[in-house]
Amino acid sequence: MADLFEQNRNYVLGDEELNLLGDREKLAQWRHKGVGPAFYKLGRKIIYRGADLNAWADAQRVDPSEGRT
């Protein structure tokens, strides 16, 4: 799959690109529930690595043709 996010870039809350996944509140819910992409918490700052975002997005891929016989 083509990368949705720049592999070597760090993304912080407020970066427009993160809206592709959901709004700030949705990302906070995922962090609280322990789901969603991997992240770093440095003090109060949340940081997502582009490589982690791409890996998570790729794992969410659904191929409707799989499972057909």
C-alpha atoms as a PDB file:
ATOM      1  CA  MET A   1       0.000   0.000   0.000  1.00  0.00           C
ATOM      2  CA  ALA A   2       1.119   3.518  -0.628  1.00  0.00           C
ATOM      3  CA  ASP A   3       2.030   5.309   2.573  1.00  0.00           C
ATOM      4  CA  LEU A   4      -0.687   7.611   3.875  1.00  0.00           C
ATOM      5  CA  PHE A   5       1.798   9.350   6.162  1.00  0.00           C
ATOM      6  CA  GLU A   6       5.445  10.337   5.709  1.00  0.00           C
ATOM      7  CA  GLN A   7       7.451   7.426   7.141  1.00  0.00           C
ATOM      8  CA  ASN A   8      10.153   9.488   8.864  1.00  0.00           C
ATOM      9  CA  ARG A   9       7.957  12.295  10.153  1.00  0.00           C
ATOM     10  CA  ASN A  10       6.601  12.766  13.657  1.00  0.00           C
ATOM     11  CA  TYR A  11       3.003  13.959  13.968  1.00  0.00           C
ATOM     12  CA  VAL A  12       1.565  15.789  16.965  1.00  0.00           C
ATOM     13  CA  LEU A  13      -2.031  16.492  17.918  1.00  0.00           C
ATOM     14  CA  GLY A  14      -3.261  19.386  15.855  1.00  0.00           C
ATOM     15  CA  ASP A  15      -1.455  18.271  12.687  1.00  0.00           C
ATOM     16  CA  GLU A  16      -4.059  18.334   9.946  1.00  0.00           C
ATOM     17  CA  GLU A  17      -2.931  14.969   8.548  1.00  0.00           C
ATOM     18  CA  LEU A  18      -4.116  13.184  11.702  1.00  0.00           C
ATOM     19  CA  ASN A  19      -7.696  14.154  10.816  1.00  0.00           C
ATOM     20  CA  LEU A  20      -7.534  11.311   8.297  1.00  0.00           C
ATOM     21  CA  LEU A  21      -7.825   8.931  11.260  1.00  0.00           C
ATOM     22  CA  GLY A  22     -10.295  10.936  13.308  1.00  0.00           C
ATOM     23  CA  ASP A  23     -10.617  14.071  15.355  1.00  0.00           C
ATOM     24  CA  ARG A  24      -8.681  14.780  18.556  1.00  0.00           C
ATOM     25  CA  GLU A  25     -11.446  13.308  20.679  1.00  0.00           C
ATOM     26  CA  LYS A  26     -11.500  10.030  18.721  1.00  0.00           C
ATOM     27  CA  LEU A  27      -7.714   9.683  19.030  1.00  0.00           C
ATOM     28  CA  ALA A  28      -7.986  10.360  22.787  1.00  0.00           C
ATOM     29  CA  GLN A  29     -10.665   7.668  23.111  1.00  0.00           C
ATOM     30  CA  TRP A  30      -8.465   5.171  21.276  1.00  0.00           C
ATOM     31  CA  ARG A  31      -5.475   5.966  23.511  1.00  0.00           C
ATOM     32  CA  HIS A  32      -7.624   5.557  26.616  1.00  0.00           C
ATOM     33  CA  LYS A  33      -9.004   2.203  25.389  1.00  0.00           C
ATOM     34  CA  GLY A  34      -5.581   0.960  24.271  1.00  0.00           C
ATOM     35  CA  VAL A  35      -6.544   0.712  20.602  1.00  0.00           C
ATOM     36  CA  GLY A  36      -5.450   2.698  17.563  1.00  0.00           C
ATOM     37  CA  PRO A  37      -1.948   3.473  16.379  1.00  0.00           C
ATOM     38  CA  ALA A  38       1.118   3.362  18.618  1.00  0.00           C
ATOM     39  CA  PHE A  39       2.155   6.675  20.140  1.00  0.00           C
ATOM     40  CA  TYR A  40       4.661   8.289  22.458  1.00  0.00           C
ATOM     41  CA  LYS A  41       3.622  10.322  25.464  1.00  0.00           C
ATOM     42  CA  LEU A  42       6.300  12.803  26.463  1.00  0.00           C
ATOM     43  CA  GLY A  43       4.951  14.737  29.405  1.00  0.00           C
ATOM     44  CA  ARG A  44       1.596  15.957  28.120  1.00  0.00           C
ATOM     45  CA  LYS A  45       2.624  15.852  24.453  1.00  0.00           C
ATOM     46  CA  ILE A  46       1.371  12.995  22.249  1.00  0.00           C
ATOM     47  CA  ILE A  47       3.566  12.070  19.282  1.00  0.00           C
ATOM     48  CA  TYR A  48       2.762   9.636  16.485  1.00  0.00           C
ATOM     49  CA  ARG A  49       5.500   8.347  14.159  1.00  0.00           C
ATOM     50  CA  GLY A  50       4.579   8.203  10.486  1.00  0.00           C
ATOM     51  CA  ALA A  51       5.874   4.625  10.261  1.00  0.00           C
ATOM     52  CA  ASP A  52       3.565   3.557  13.127  1.00  0.00           C
ATOM     53  CA  LEU A  53       0.580   5.307  11.556  1.00  0.00           C
ATOM     54  CA  ASN A  54       1.211   3.572   8.224  1.00  0.00           C
ATOM     55  CA  ALA A  55       1.600   0.163   9.904  1.00  0.00           C
ATOM     56  CA  TRP A  56      -1.642   0.635  11.828  1.00  0.00           C
ATOM     57  CA  ALA A  57      -3.537   1.830   8.738  1.00  0.00           C
ATOM     58  CA  ASP A  58      -2.243  -1.144   6.746  1.00  0.00           C
ATOM     59  CA  ALA A  59      -3.460  -3.534   9.470  1.00  0.00           C
ATOM     60  CA  GLN A  60      -6.964  -2.023   9.141  1.00  0.00           C
ATOM     61  CA  ARG A  61      -7.180  -2.975   5.463  1.00  0.00           C
ATOM     62  CA  VAL A  62     -10.204  -5.052   4.568  1.00  0.00           C
ATOM     63  CA  ASP A  63     -10.267  -7.003   1.311  1.00  0.00           C
ATOM     64  CA  PRO A  64     -13.874  -7.995   0.538  1.00  0.00           C
ATOM     65  CA  SER A  65     -12.685 -10.667  -1.907  1.00  0.00           C
ATOM     66  CA  GLU A  66     -10.941 -12.579   0.894  1.00  0.00           C
ATOM     67  CA  GLY A  67     -13.153 -15.218   2.371  1.00  0.00           C
ATOM     68  CA  ARG A  68     -14.975 -15.897  -0.877  1.00  0.00           C
ATOM     69  CA  THR A  69     -14.774 -19.423  -2.160  1.00  0.00           C
END
